[in-house]
Amino acid sequence: MVDDQYRGLLTEREREILRGDADVSDNYRYRVVSRIRTKIENVDEDIEILAENKEDLLQELREVVCESAD
């Protein structure tokens, strides 16, 4: 099993599936997308924790997310 300790929001497998590099059923792709949506929703709690405890890390997160969104 791949060590997920240093991954970002997506696993390598999820990245492959989203890129279309993996031969998976439409049903499985839907489940992966649903799982990713849940992860995105969970980021809210992470942001609250960072805001309360580690503002510098929250700022780093904002810089990465906002820069990528441009």
N, C-alpha and C. Protein backbone atom coordinates (compact mmCIF):
# COMPACT_ATOMS: atom_id res chain seq x y z
N MET A 1 0.84 -1.19 0.00
CA MET A 1 0.00 0.00 0.00
C MET A 1 0.88 1.24 0.00
N VAL A 2 0.47 2.25 -0.72
CA VAL A 2 1.20 3.50 -0.82
C VAL A 2 1.05 4.28 0.47
N ASP A 3 2.13 4.88 0.92
CA ASP A 3 2.09 5.70 2.13
C ASP A 3 1.40 7.02 1.81
N ASP A 4 0.22 7.24 2.37
CA ASP A 4 -0.56 8.46 2.11
C ASP A 4 -0.14 9.62 2.99
N GLN A 5 0.86 9.43 3.82
CA GLN A 5 1.25 10.45 4.79
C GLN A 5 1.55 11.79 4.14
N TYR A 6 2.13 11.78 2.95
CA TYR A 6 2.55 13.04 2.34
C TYR A 6 1.77 13.40 1.10
N ARG A 7 0.63 12.81 0.90
CA ARG A 7 -0.18 13.16 -0.26
C ARG A 7 -0.96 14.42 0.01
N GLY A 8 -1.48 14.99 -1.07
CA GLY A 8 -2.34 16.15 -0.94
C GLY A 8 -3.78 15.70 -0.74
N LEU A 9 -4.68 16.41 -1.29
CA LEU A 9 -6.10 16.09 -1.17
C LEU A 9 -6.43 14.76 -1.86
N LEU A 10 -5.78 14.51 -2.98
CA LEU A 10 -6.07 13.31 -3.78
C LEU A 10 -4.98 12.26 -3.63
N THR A 11 -5.40 11.00 -3.69
CA THR A 11 -4.42 9.92 -3.75
C THR A 11 -3.92 9.82 -5.20
N GLU A 12 -2.84 9.11 -5.40
CA GLU A 12 -2.33 8.90 -6.76
C GLU A 12 -3.39 8.22 -7.62
N ARG A 13 -4.08 7.24 -7.04
CA ARG A 13 -5.11 6.52 -7.79
C ARG A 13 -6.25 7.45 -8.19
N GLU A 14 -6.68 8.31 -7.27
CA GLU A 14 -7.74 9.26 -7.61
C GLU A 14 -7.29 10.19 -8.72
N ARG A 15 -6.05 10.61 -8.68
CA ARG A 15 -5.51 11.46 -9.74
C ARG A 15 -5.57 10.76 -11.09
N GLU A 16 -5.17 9.49 -11.11
CA GLU A 16 -5.21 8.71 -12.36
C GLU A 16 -6.64 8.63 -12.89
N ILE A 17 -7.57 8.36 -12.00
CA ILE A 17 -8.96 8.21 -12.41
C ILE A 17 -9.51 9.53 -12.95
N LEU A 18 -9.25 10.62 -12.26
CA LEU A 18 -9.75 11.92 -12.71
C LEU A 18 -9.13 12.35 -14.03
N ARG A 19 -7.86 11.99 -14.24
CA ARG A 19 -7.20 12.33 -15.51
C ARG A 19 -7.72 11.48 -16.66
N GLY A 20 -8.37 10.38 -16.34
CA GLY A 20 -8.83 9.46 -17.37
C GLY A 20 -7.77 8.44 -17.74
N ASP A 21 -6.73 8.32 -16.90
CA ASP A 21 -5.64 7.37 -17.16
C ASP A 21 -5.93 5.97 -16.64
N ALA A 22 -7.03 5.81 -15.94
CA ALA A 22 -7.38 4.51 -15.35
C ALA A 22 -8.64 3.98 -16.01
N ASP A 23 -8.63 2.72 -16.32
CA ASP A 23 -9.79 2.07 -16.94
C ASP A 23 -10.71 1.57 -15.83
N VAL A 24 -11.67 2.41 -15.46
CA VAL A 24 -12.61 2.05 -14.40
C VAL A 24 -14.03 2.28 -14.91
N SER A 25 -14.96 1.63 -14.26
CA SER A 25 -16.37 1.78 -14.66
C SER A 25 -16.87 3.18 -14.30
N ASP A 26 -17.94 3.58 -14.95
CA ASP A 26 -18.55 4.87 -14.65
C ASP A 26 -19.02 4.90 -13.19
N ASN A 27 -19.53 3.78 -12.71
CA ASN A 27 -20.00 3.69 -11.33
C ASN A 27 -18.84 3.93 -10.35
N TYR A 28 -17.71 3.31 -10.62
CA TYR A 28 -16.56 3.49 -9.74
C TYR A 28 -16.06 4.93 -9.81
N ARG A 29 -16.01 5.51 -10.99
CA ARG A 29 -15.59 6.91 -11.14
C ARG A 29 -16.53 7.82 -10.35
N TYR A 30 -17.82 7.57 -10.38
CA TYR A 30 -18.79 8.35 -9.62
C TYR A 30 -18.50 8.25 -8.12
N ARG A 31 -18.20 7.04 -7.64
CA ARG A 31 -17.89 6.86 -6.21
C ARG A 31 -16.63 7.62 -5.83
N VAL A 32 -15.64 7.63 -6.71
CA VAL A 32 -14.40 8.36 -6.44
C VAL A 32 -14.70 9.86 -6.35
N VAL A 33 -15.47 10.37 -7.28
CA VAL A 33 -15.82 11.80 -7.26
C VAL A 33 -16.60 12.13 -5.99
N SER A 34 -17.50 11.27 -5.58
CA SER A 34 -18.26 11.48 -4.36
C SER A 34 -17.33 11.51 -3.14
N ARG A 35 -16.37 10.60 -3.10
CA ARG A 35 -15.41 10.54 -2.00
C ARG A 35 -14.57 11.83 -1.95
N ILE A 36 -14.20 12.35 -3.11
CA ILE A 36 -13.42 13.58 -3.17
C ILE A 36 -14.26 14.76 -2.68
N ARG A 37 -15.53 14.79 -3.04
CA ARG A 37 -16.41 15.86 -2.55
C ARG A 37 -16.48 15.85 -1.02
N THR A 38 -16.53 14.68 -0.44
CA THR A 38 -16.54 14.56 1.03
C THR A 38 -15.25 15.11 1.61
N LYS A 39 -14.13 14.81 0.98
CA LYS A 39 -12.84 15.35 1.45
C LYS A 39 -12.84 16.87 1.40
N ILE A 40 -13.38 17.43 0.33
CA ILE A 40 -13.44 18.89 0.19
C ILE A 40 -14.29 19.48 1.32
N GLU A 41 -15.41 18.85 1.62
CA GLU A 41 -16.25 19.33 2.72
C GLU A 41 -15.50 19.28 4.05
N ASN A 42 -14.66 18.28 4.24
CA ASN A 42 -13.91 18.13 5.49
C ASN A 42 -12.81 19.17 5.64
N VAL A 43 -12.43 19.82 4.56
CA VAL A 43 -11.40 20.85 4.62
C VAL A 43 -11.88 22.01 5.50
N ASP A 44 -13.18 22.26 5.55
CA ASP A 44 -13.71 23.33 6.40
C ASP A 44 -13.25 23.17 7.85
N GLU A 45 -13.36 21.98 8.38
CA GLU A 45 -12.94 21.74 9.77
C GLU A 45 -11.44 21.95 9.92
N ASP A 46 -10.68 21.50 8.94
CA ASP A 46 -9.23 21.69 8.98
C ASP A 46 -8.87 23.18 9.01
N ILE A 47 -9.60 23.96 8.23
CA ILE A 47 -9.35 25.40 8.18
C ILE A 47 -9.65 26.03 9.54
N GLU A 48 -10.73 25.62 10.17
CA GLU A 48 -11.06 26.14 11.50
C GLU A 48 -9.95 25.82 12.50
N ILE A 49 -9.46 24.61 12.46
CA ILE A 49 -8.40 24.20 13.39
C ILE A 49 -7.13 25.00 13.14
N LEU A 50 -6.78 25.18 11.87
CA LEU A 50 -5.60 25.98 11.55
C LEU A 50 -5.79 27.43 11.98
N ALA A 51 -6.97 27.98 11.77
CA ALA A 51 -7.23 29.37 12.14
C ALA A 51 -7.09 29.57 13.65
N GLU A 52 -7.51 28.59 14.42
CA GLU A 52 -7.46 28.69 15.88
C GLU A 52 -6.08 28.37 16.45
N ASN A 53 -5.30 27.58 15.73
CA ASN A 53 -4.07 27.06 16.33
C ASN A 53 -2.78 27.31 15.57
N LYS A 54 -2.88 27.53 14.28
CA LYS A 54 -1.66 27.61 13.48
C LYS A 54 -1.90 28.52 12.28
N GLU A 55 -2.02 29.80 12.55
CA GLU A 55 -2.35 30.79 11.52
C GLU A 55 -1.34 30.79 10.38
N ASP A 56 -0.06 30.54 10.68
CA ASP A 56 0.95 30.54 9.62
C ASP A 56 0.70 29.43 8.61
N LEU A 57 0.27 28.26 9.08
CA LEU A 57 -0.03 27.17 8.16
C LEU A 57 -1.30 27.47 7.36
N LEU A 58 -2.25 28.12 8.00
CA LEU A 58 -3.46 28.52 7.28
C LEU A 58 -3.10 29.49 6.16
N GLN A 59 -2.19 30.41 6.42
CA GLN A 59 -1.76 31.35 5.39
C GLN A 59 -1.08 30.62 4.23
N GLU A 60 -0.25 29.62 4.54
CA GLU A 60 0.39 28.83 3.49
C GLU A 60 -0.65 28.12 2.63
N LEU A 61 -1.66 27.57 3.28
CA LEU A 61 -2.75 26.90 2.56
C LEU A 61 -3.47 27.88 1.65
N ARG A 62 -3.78 29.04 2.16
CA ARG A 62 -4.46 30.06 1.35
C ARG A 62 -3.63 30.43 0.12
N GLU A 63 -2.34 30.60 0.33
CA GLU A 63 -1.47 30.98 -0.78
C GLU A 63 -1.48 29.92 -1.88
N VAL A 64 -1.43 28.67 -1.49
CA VAL A 64 -1.42 27.59 -2.48
C VAL A 64 -2.77 27.50 -3.18
N VAL A 65 -3.84 27.52 -2.42
CA VAL A 65 -5.18 27.36 -3.00
C VAL A 65 -5.54 28.56 -3.85
N CYS A 66 -5.30 29.75 -3.35
CA CYS A 66 -5.68 30.95 -4.10
C CYS A 66 -4.81 31.15 -5.33
N GLU A 67 -3.54 30.82 -5.24
CA GLU A 67 -2.65 30.92 -6.40
C GLU A 67 -3.08 29.94 -7.47
N SER A 68 -3.47 28.75 -7.08
CA SER A 68 -3.89 27.73 -8.04
C SER A 68 -5.21 28.09 -8.70
N ALA A 69 -6.04 28.84 -7.99
CA ALA A 69 -7.36 29.19 -8.51
C ALA A 69 -7.28 30.28 -9.58
N ASP A 70 -6.19 31.04 -9.61
CA ASP A 70 -6.05 32.14 -10.58
C ASP A 70 -5.84 31.65 -11.98
